[in-house]
Every structure is written in C-alpha cells, then in structure tokens.
C-alpha cells in the first residue's frame, strides 16, 4: 500500500512539480493509521482525510455522488466520536453475541472505517491520475495535429 500510494503521489505531480498537497497529506495520514492503529486516539489521523472529503463534496456536480460521499463522511465522523469498545459493550447486553463471528469481525470497526477512508482517498488520487493522463493525451494529440 505504501509503494502504491507513493507511486500515485509521484505520478500526479504536474510539469511544474505542483500537486494536490492536501490529498497527498490526507492519503499518507490515512495510510499511517492503517500501519499503527492501536488506540482510539489514533483515529485523529483520519481528520485530514475526512476534511479533504468534506471539501470535495462541494466540488461534485451530481446530487447522487454528493449524497453518497456525504453519507460516507458522516460514517467517518461517527467512527471518530463513538467509543472504541462500542461493539464490546453490546456483548455485555447480549452475552450470546460473544461467540458470533460477525461481532468479532466488526469489533475493531474504527480500523475498518480507516481502511474505507484510505480506499476512498486512493480512488480520488486514481481519478486525478486518470484525468492527468487523459489531459496529456489530448494535449499531445493537439500538438501532433497542428504539425
């Protein structure tokens, strides 16, 4: 994941060396959450990523995409404010859930949210790379057509 994120950051710099630094910072802070998640306070590393998603929602033209990313953002913020042992507390209320595989799988839900947010940032960065490649192809085709 680190190599792929580094590749995307490197490839999305333009000819002047400029890049979307906010997305790059959010991408690596989300990646570091996946590498070092130990406690609930590590979730603060999601803050730049969630802030980037919040800003990007206003740049979307389609209402359906704004609704999707708004819901996704809301779930990310919910992960930040929920206690880290929320699923474990459910097992105190219903002891039968202790042996449930789905409960054990979802217990570190903040880690799953971190992975989802990181994946969303990768998709934004990938779209940025595809747009740059398409733009370069269009520019090159215009140069060759003018010759």
N, C-alpha and C. Protein backbone atom coordinates (compact mmCIF):
# COMPACT_ATOMS: atom_id res chain seq x y z
N UNK A 1 0.82 -1.20 0.00
CA UNK A 1 0.00 0.00 0.00
C UNK A 1 0.86 1.26 0.00
N UNK A 2 1.96 1.22 0.77
CA UNK A 2 2.83 2.39 0.84
C UNK A 2 3.46 2.67 -0.53
N UNK A 3 3.90 1.63 -1.21
CA UNK A 3 4.52 1.80 -2.53
C UNK A 3 3.51 2.33 -3.54
N UNK A 4 2.28 1.80 -3.50
CA UNK A 4 1.26 2.25 -4.44
C UNK A 4 0.88 3.70 -4.17
N UNK A 5 0.72 4.08 -2.89
CA UNK A 5 0.39 5.47 -2.56
C UNK A 5 1.52 6.40 -2.97
N UNK A 6 2.76 5.98 -2.76
CA UNK A 6 3.90 6.80 -3.17
C UNK A 6 3.93 6.95 -4.69
N UNK A 7 3.65 5.87 -5.40
CA UNK A 7 3.59 5.93 -6.87
C UNK A 7 2.52 6.94 -7.32
N UNK A 8 1.34 6.87 -6.72
CA UNK A 8 0.27 7.79 -7.11
C UNK A 8 0.64 9.24 -6.82
N UNK A 9 1.25 9.48 -5.68
CA UNK A 9 1.65 10.85 -5.33
C UNK A 9 2.70 11.35 -6.32
N UNK A 10 3.65 10.50 -6.67
CA UNK A 10 4.70 10.88 -7.60
C UNK A 10 4.14 11.15 -8.99
N UNK A 11 3.25 10.29 -9.45
CA UNK A 11 2.71 10.40 -10.82
C UNK A 11 1.73 11.55 -11.00
N UNK A 12 1.13 12.04 -9.93
CA UNK A 12 0.13 13.08 -10.10
C UNK A 12 0.70 14.49 -9.95
N UNK A 13 2.00 14.61 -9.88
CA UNK A 13 2.61 15.94 -9.90
C UNK A 13 2.62 16.43 -11.35
N UNK A 14 2.34 17.71 -11.54
CA UNK A 14 2.35 18.23 -12.90
C UNK A 14 3.77 18.60 -13.32
N UNK A 15 3.92 19.19 -14.49
CA UNK A 15 5.25 19.51 -15.02
C UNK A 15 5.99 20.52 -14.15
N UNK A 16 5.28 21.35 -13.40
CA UNK A 16 5.93 22.32 -12.53
C UNK A 16 6.26 21.75 -11.16
N UNK A 17 5.95 20.48 -10.93
CA UNK A 17 6.21 19.86 -9.63
C UNK A 17 5.11 20.11 -8.62
N UNK A 18 4.02 20.74 -9.05
CA UNK A 18 2.91 21.00 -8.13
C UNK A 18 2.01 19.78 -8.04
N UNK A 19 1.36 19.67 -6.91
CA UNK A 19 0.44 18.54 -6.71
C UNK A 19 -0.68 19.00 -5.78
N UNK A 20 -1.63 18.12 -5.60
CA UNK A 20 -2.70 18.38 -4.64
C UNK A 20 -2.18 17.96 -3.27
N UNK A 21 -1.50 18.86 -2.61
CA UNK A 21 -0.80 18.54 -1.37
C UNK A 21 -1.75 18.11 -0.26
N UNK A 22 -2.96 18.67 -0.24
CA UNK A 22 -3.90 18.30 0.80
C UNK A 22 -4.30 16.83 0.66
N UNK A 23 -4.54 16.39 -0.56
CA UNK A 23 -4.89 14.99 -0.79
C UNK A 23 -3.70 14.09 -0.46
N UNK A 24 -2.49 14.52 -0.81
CA UNK A 24 -1.30 13.73 -0.50
C UNK A 24 -1.13 13.56 1.01
N UNK A 25 -1.31 14.66 1.73
CA UNK A 25 -1.19 14.61 3.19
C UNK A 25 -2.26 13.70 3.79
N UNK A 26 -3.50 13.85 3.31
CA UNK A 26 -4.59 13.02 3.81
C UNK A 26 -4.35 11.54 3.49
N UNK A 27 -3.81 11.28 2.31
CA UNK A 27 -3.53 9.91 1.90
C UNK A 27 -2.52 9.25 2.83
N UNK A 28 -1.43 9.94 3.13
CA UNK A 28 -0.41 9.33 3.98
C UNK A 28 -0.80 9.32 5.45
N UNK A 29 -1.61 10.26 5.88
CA UNK A 29 -2.07 10.17 7.26
C UNK A 29 -3.03 8.99 7.43
N UNK A 30 -3.88 8.76 6.43
CA UNK A 30 -4.75 7.59 6.47
C UNK A 30 -3.97 6.29 6.39
N UNK A 31 -2.92 6.28 5.59
CA UNK A 31 -2.08 5.10 5.49
C UNK A 31 -1.35 4.82 6.80
N UNK A 32 -0.90 5.87 7.47
CA UNK A 32 -0.21 5.65 8.74
C UNK A 32 -1.19 5.13 9.80
N UNK A 33 -2.47 5.46 9.69
CA UNK A 33 -3.46 4.91 10.61
C UNK A 33 -3.56 3.40 10.43
N UNK A 34 -3.49 2.95 9.18
CA UNK A 34 -3.57 1.51 8.94
C UNK A 34 -2.35 0.80 9.49
N UNK A 35 -1.22 1.49 9.51
CA UNK A 35 0.01 0.85 9.95
C UNK A 35 0.16 0.84 11.47
N UNK A 36 -0.39 1.84 12.18
CA UNK A 36 -0.11 1.96 13.60
C UNK A 36 -1.35 2.01 14.49
N UNK A 37 -2.50 1.62 14.00
CA UNK A 37 -3.72 1.74 14.80
C UNK A 37 -3.61 0.86 16.05
N UNK A 38 -3.64 1.50 17.21
CA UNK A 38 -3.60 0.78 18.47
C UNK A 38 -4.70 1.22 19.42
N UNK A 39 -5.00 2.48 19.45
CA UNK A 39 -5.95 3.03 20.42
C UNK A 39 -6.94 3.94 19.70
N UNK A 40 -7.95 4.35 20.42
CA UNK A 40 -8.97 5.23 19.87
C UNK A 40 -8.43 6.59 19.48
N UNK A 41 -7.42 7.07 20.19
CA UNK A 41 -6.90 8.40 19.87
C UNK A 41 -6.09 8.40 18.57
N UNK A 42 -5.72 7.24 18.07
CA UNK A 42 -5.05 7.19 16.77
C UNK A 42 -6.00 7.58 15.63
N UNK A 43 -7.29 7.54 15.89
CA UNK A 43 -8.26 7.91 14.87
C UNK A 43 -8.17 9.37 14.46
N UNK A 44 -7.46 10.17 15.24
CA UNK A 44 -7.27 11.56 14.85
C UNK A 44 -6.55 11.65 13.50
N UNK A 45 -5.82 10.60 13.13
CA UNK A 45 -5.16 10.59 11.83
C UNK A 45 -6.15 10.59 10.67
N UNK A 46 -7.41 10.27 10.94
CA UNK A 46 -8.44 10.34 9.91
C UNK A 46 -8.90 11.77 9.65
N UNK A 47 -8.61 12.67 10.55
CA UNK A 47 -9.12 14.04 10.44
C UNK A 47 -8.75 14.72 9.10
N UNK A 48 -7.47 14.70 8.66
CA UNK A 48 -7.18 15.33 7.35
C UNK A 48 -7.93 14.68 6.20
N UNK A 49 -8.09 13.37 6.25
CA UNK A 49 -8.80 12.66 5.19
C UNK A 49 -10.27 13.05 5.16
N UNK A 50 -10.89 13.10 6.33
CA UNK A 50 -12.30 13.47 6.39
C UNK A 50 -12.51 14.94 5.99
N UNK A 51 -11.57 15.78 6.35
CA UNK A 51 -11.65 17.18 5.94
C UNK A 51 -11.52 17.32 4.44
N UNK A 52 -10.61 16.54 3.84
CA UNK A 52 -10.48 16.56 2.39
C UNK A 52 -11.77 16.10 1.72
N UNK A 53 -12.38 15.04 2.22
CA UNK A 53 -13.64 14.56 1.66
C UNK A 53 -14.74 15.60 1.81
N UNK A 54 -14.76 16.30 2.93
CA UNK A 54 -15.75 17.36 3.16
C UNK A 54 -15.61 18.45 2.10
N UNK A 55 -14.39 18.85 1.81
CA UNK A 55 -14.16 19.89 0.81
C UNK A 55 -14.54 19.39 -0.58
N UNK A 56 -14.23 18.14 -0.89
CA UNK A 56 -14.52 17.60 -2.21
C UNK A 56 -16.01 17.43 -2.48
N UNK A 57 -16.79 17.27 -1.44
CA UNK A 57 -18.23 17.11 -1.63
C UNK A 57 -18.82 18.34 -2.32
N UNK A 58 -18.30 19.51 -1.99
CA UNK A 58 -18.83 20.74 -2.58
C UNK A 58 -18.40 20.92 -4.03
N UNK A 59 -17.40 20.17 -4.50
CA UNK A 59 -16.96 20.27 -5.88
C UNK A 59 -17.67 19.29 -6.80
N UNK A 60 -18.49 18.42 -6.24
CA UNK A 60 -19.19 17.42 -7.05
C UNK A 60 -20.44 18.03 -7.67
N UNK A 61 -20.67 17.72 -8.93
CA UNK A 61 -21.82 18.27 -9.64
C UNK A 61 -23.08 17.43 -9.45
N UNK A 62 -22.93 16.12 -9.39
CA UNK A 62 -24.09 15.23 -9.31
C UNK A 62 -24.59 15.11 -7.88
N UNK A 63 -25.90 15.22 -7.71
CA UNK A 63 -26.51 15.12 -6.38
C UNK A 63 -26.33 13.72 -5.80
N UNK A 64 -26.38 12.70 -6.64
CA UNK A 64 -26.23 11.32 -6.15
C UNK A 64 -24.84 11.09 -5.56
N UNK A 65 -23.81 11.62 -6.21
CA UNK A 65 -22.45 11.49 -5.68
C UNK A 65 -22.28 12.30 -4.39
N UNK A 66 -22.89 13.48 -4.35
CA UNK A 66 -22.82 14.27 -3.12
C UNK A 66 -23.48 13.55 -1.97
N UNK A 67 -24.62 12.90 -2.22
CA UNK A 67 -25.30 12.13 -1.18
C UNK A 67 -24.46 10.94 -0.73
N UNK A 68 -23.86 10.23 -1.68
CA UNK A 68 -23.02 9.08 -1.34
C UNK A 68 -21.83 9.50 -0.49
N UNK A 69 -21.08 10.50 -0.94
CA UNK A 69 -19.89 10.93 -0.21
C UNK A 69 -20.26 11.64 1.09
N UNK A 70 -21.39 12.30 1.14
CA UNK A 70 -21.86 12.90 2.39
C UNK A 70 -22.18 11.84 3.43
N UNK A 71 -22.82 10.76 3.00
CA UNK A 71 -23.12 9.65 3.91
C UNK A 71 -21.83 8.98 4.37
N UNK A 72 -20.91 8.79 3.45
CA UNK A 72 -19.62 8.20 3.77
C UNK A 72 -18.88 9.06 4.79
N UNK A 73 -18.91 10.37 4.58
CA UNK A 73 -18.26 11.30 5.51
C UNK A 73 -18.93 11.24 6.88
N UNK A 74 -20.23 11.18 6.91
CA UNK A 74 -20.97 11.09 8.17
C UNK A 74 -20.56 9.84 8.94
N UNK A 75 -20.41 8.72 8.25
CA UNK A 75 -19.98 7.48 8.91
C UNK A 75 -18.55 7.60 9.44
N UNK A 76 -17.70 8.31 8.71
CA UNK A 76 -16.34 8.53 9.19
C UNK A 76 -16.31 9.36 10.45
N UNK A 77 -17.11 10.41 10.48
CA UNK A 77 -17.18 11.23 11.70
C UNK A 77 -17.78 10.44 12.85
N UNK A 78 -18.74 9.59 12.54
CA UNK A 78 -19.34 8.75 13.58
C UNK A 78 -18.30 7.83 14.21
N UNK A 79 -17.38 7.31 13.38
CA UNK A 79 -16.32 6.46 13.91
C UNK A 79 -15.40 7.24 14.84
N UNK A 80 -15.25 8.53 14.58
CA UNK A 80 -14.38 9.34 15.45
C UNK A 80 -15.01 9.60 16.81
N UNK A 81 -16.33 9.69 16.86
CA UNK A 81 -16.95 10.07 18.12
C UNK A 81 -17.47 8.89 18.94
N UNK A 82 -17.56 7.72 18.33
CA UNK A 82 -18.03 6.54 19.07
C UNK A 82 -16.92 6.00 19.96
N UNK A 83 -17.28 5.46 21.12
CA UNK A 83 -16.24 4.83 21.95
C UNK A 83 -15.66 3.62 21.23
N UNK A 84 -14.38 3.39 21.45
CA UNK A 84 -13.71 2.32 20.71
C UNK A 84 -14.20 0.93 21.08
N UNK A 85 -14.83 0.78 22.23
CA UNK A 85 -15.32 -0.54 22.63
C UNK A 85 -16.84 -0.64 22.51
N UNK A 86 -17.41 0.08 21.56
CA UNK A 86 -18.88 0.10 21.41
C UNK A 86 -19.43 -1.29 21.11
N UNK A 87 -18.78 -2.05 20.26
CA UNK A 87 -19.27 -3.39 19.92
C UNK A 87 -19.11 -4.32 21.12
N UNK A 88 -18.03 -4.15 21.87
CA UNK A 88 -17.81 -4.97 23.06
C UNK A 88 -18.91 -4.71 24.10
N UNK A 89 -19.36 -3.48 24.19
CA UNK A 89 -20.43 -3.15 25.13
C UNK A 89 -21.73 -3.85 24.77
N UNK A 90 -21.95 -4.09 23.48
CA UNK A 90 -23.14 -4.82 23.06
C UNK A 90 -23.12 -6.25 23.59
N UNK A 91 -21.94 -6.83 23.71
CA UNK A 91 -21.85 -8.20 24.20
C UNK A 91 -22.17 -8.28 25.69
N UNK A 92 -22.02 -7.19 26.42
CA UNK A 92 -22.44 -7.18 27.82
C UNK A 92 -23.97 -7.22 27.92
N UNK A 93 -24.65 -6.55 26.99
CA UNK A 93 -26.11 -6.54 26.99
C UNK A 93 -26.68 -7.87 26.51
N UNK A 94 -26.06 -8.45 25.47
CA UNK A 94 -26.48 -9.72 24.91
C UNK A 94 -25.30 -10.68 24.89
N UNK A 95 -25.13 -11.46 25.95
CA UNK A 95 -23.96 -12.36 26.05
C UNK A 95 -23.85 -13.38 24.92
N UNK A 96 -24.94 -13.67 24.27
CA UNK A 96 -24.91 -14.62 23.16
C UNK A 96 -24.10 -14.12 21.97
N UNK A 97 -23.85 -12.83 21.90
CA UNK A 97 -23.10 -12.26 20.79
C UNK A 97 -21.59 -12.48 20.90
N UNK A 98 -21.12 -12.91 22.08
CA UNK A 98 -19.68 -13.05 22.30
C UNK A 98 -19.06 -14.03 21.30
N UNK A 99 -19.75 -15.12 21.02
CA UNK A 99 -19.22 -16.14 20.13
C UNK A 99 -19.58 -15.91 18.67
N UNK A 100 -20.28 -14.84 18.36
CA UNK A 100 -20.71 -14.55 17.00
C UNK A 100 -19.51 -14.10 16.16
N UNK A 101 -19.31 -14.73 15.01
CA UNK A 101 -18.17 -14.40 14.15
C UNK A 101 -18.27 -12.97 13.61
N UNK A 102 -19.47 -12.54 13.24
CA UNK A 102 -19.65 -11.20 12.70
C UNK A 102 -19.30 -10.13 13.73
N UNK A 103 -19.64 -10.36 14.97
CA UNK A 103 -19.31 -9.41 16.03
C UNK A 103 -17.80 -9.34 16.21
N UNK A 104 -17.14 -10.47 16.19
CA UNK A 104 -15.67 -10.48 16.31
C UNK A 104 -15.01 -9.78 15.13
N UNK A 105 -15.59 -9.95 13.95
CA UNK A 105 -15.05 -9.32 12.76
C UNK A 105 -15.24 -7.80 12.81
N UNK A 106 -16.38 -7.36 13.30
CA UNK A 106 -16.68 -5.93 13.32
C UNK A 106 -16.19 -5.21 14.58
N UNK A 107 -15.64 -5.91 15.53
CA UNK A 107 -15.22 -5.29 16.79
C UNK A 107 -14.24 -4.14 16.58
N UNK A 108 -13.22 -4.28 15.74
CA UNK A 108 -12.34 -3.12 15.51
C UNK A 108 -12.88 -2.25 14.37
N UNK A 109 -14.12 -1.77 14.53
CA UNK A 109 -14.78 -1.07 13.44
C UNK A 109 -14.06 0.21 13.04
N UNK A 110 -13.33 0.83 13.95
CA UNK A 110 -12.58 2.03 13.59
C UNK A 110 -11.49 1.71 12.57
N UNK A 111 -10.89 0.56 12.69
CA UNK A 111 -9.90 0.13 11.71
C UNK A 111 -10.52 -0.09 10.35
N UNK A 112 -11.72 -0.65 10.33
CA UNK A 112 -12.42 -0.85 9.06
C UNK A 112 -12.80 0.48 8.43
N UNK A 113 -13.23 1.44 9.27
CA UNK A 113 -13.54 2.77 8.76
C UNK A 113 -12.28 3.42 8.20
N UNK A 114 -11.16 3.26 8.91
CA UNK A 114 -9.89 3.80 8.42
C UNK A 114 -9.52 3.22 7.06
N UNK A 115 -9.72 1.92 6.89
CA UNK A 115 -9.44 1.28 5.62
C UNK A 115 -10.36 1.80 4.52
N UNK A 116 -11.63 2.01 4.85
CA UNK A 116 -12.58 2.54 3.86
C UNK A 116 -12.21 3.97 3.46
N UNK A 117 -11.84 4.80 4.43
CA UNK A 117 -11.46 6.18 4.12
C UNK A 117 -10.19 6.20 3.28
N UNK A 118 -9.22 5.36 3.62
CA UNK A 118 -8.00 5.28 2.82
C UNK A 118 -8.32 4.84 1.40
N UNK A 119 -9.23 3.88 1.24
CA UNK A 119 -9.62 3.42 -0.10
C UNK A 119 -10.30 4.54 -0.88
N UNK A 120 -11.10 5.35 -0.19
CA UNK A 120 -11.75 6.48 -0.86
C UNK A 120 -10.70 7.48 -1.34
N UNK A 121 -9.69 7.74 -0.53
CA UNK A 121 -8.64 8.67 -0.94
C UNK A 121 -7.84 8.11 -2.11
N UNK A 122 -7.59 6.81 -2.10
CA UNK A 122 -6.92 6.17 -3.24
C UNK A 122 -7.76 6.35 -4.50
N UNK A 123 -9.08 6.21 -4.38
CA UNK A 123 -9.93 6.37 -5.57
C UNK A 123 -9.89 7.81 -6.07
N UNK A 124 -9.85 8.79 -5.18
CA UNK A 124 -9.73 10.19 -5.60
C UNK A 124 -8.38 10.42 -6.30
N UNK A 125 -7.32 9.86 -5.74
CA UNK A 125 -5.99 10.03 -6.33
C UNK A 125 -5.90 9.32 -7.67
N UNK A 126 -6.52 8.15 -7.78
CA UNK A 126 -6.52 7.41 -9.04
C UNK A 126 -7.28 8.19 -10.11
N UNK A 127 -8.41 8.79 -9.73
CA UNK A 127 -9.17 9.61 -10.68
C UNK A 127 -8.35 10.82 -11.12
N UNK A 128 -7.59 11.38 -10.21
CA UNK A 128 -6.72 12.51 -10.54
C UNK A 128 -5.66 12.07 -11.55
N UNK A 129 -5.08 10.90 -11.35
CA UNK A 129 -4.07 10.38 -12.27
C UNK A 129 -4.69 10.12 -13.65
N UNK A 130 -5.88 9.52 -13.68
CA UNK A 130 -6.53 9.25 -14.96
C UNK A 130 -6.84 10.54 -15.69
N UNK A 131 -7.26 11.58 -14.97
CA UNK A 131 -7.55 12.87 -15.61
C UNK A 131 -6.28 13.49 -16.17
N UNK A 132 -5.17 13.37 -15.45
CA UNK A 132 -3.91 13.92 -15.94
C UNK A 132 -3.43 13.17 -17.18
N UNK A 133 -3.55 11.86 -17.19
CA UNK A 133 -3.15 11.07 -18.35
C UNK A 133 -4.01 11.43 -19.54
N UNK A 134 -5.32 11.57 -19.33
CA UNK A 134 -6.22 11.94 -20.42
C UNK A 134 -5.88 13.33 -20.94
N UNK A 135 -5.59 14.27 -20.03
CA UNK A 135 -5.25 15.63 -20.43
C UNK A 135 -3.95 15.65 -21.24
N UNK A 136 -2.97 14.85 -20.83
CA UNK A 136 -1.71 14.77 -21.57
C UNK A 136 -1.92 14.18 -22.95
N UNK A 137 -2.80 13.20 -23.07
CA UNK A 137 -3.08 12.61 -24.39
C UNK A 137 -3.76 13.63 -25.29
N UNK A 138 -4.68 14.40 -24.74
CA UNK A 138 -5.37 15.42 -25.53
C UNK A 138 -4.39 16.48 -25.99
N UNK A 139 -3.51 16.93 -25.10
CA UNK A 139 -2.52 17.95 -25.46
C UNK A 139 -1.58 17.42 -26.52
N UNK A 140 -1.10 16.17 -26.37
CA UNK A 140 -0.20 15.59 -27.34
C UNK A 140 -0.89 15.43 -28.70
N UNK A 141 -2.15 15.03 -28.70
CA UNK A 141 -2.86 14.86 -29.97
C UNK A 141 -3.06 16.21 -30.65
N UNK A 142 -3.26 17.27 -29.90
CA UNK A 142 -3.39 18.61 -30.49
C UNK A 142 -2.07 19.07 -31.07
N UNK A 143 -0.98 18.76 -30.40
CA UNK A 143 0.35 19.15 -30.90
C UNK A 143 0.64 18.44 -32.22
N UNK A 144 0.36 17.13 -32.25
CA UNK A 144 0.63 16.38 -33.49
C UNK A 144 -0.33 16.74 -34.60
N UNK A 145 -1.54 17.15 -34.30
CA UNK A 145 -2.47 17.52 -35.36
C UNK A 145 -2.15 18.88 -35.94
N UNK A 146 -1.44 19.73 -35.21
CA UNK A 146 -1.06 21.05 -35.71
C UNK A 146 0.22 21.00 -36.53
N UNK A 147 0.89 19.87 -36.58
CA UNK A 147 2.16 19.78 -37.33
C UNK A 147 1.92 19.60 -38.79
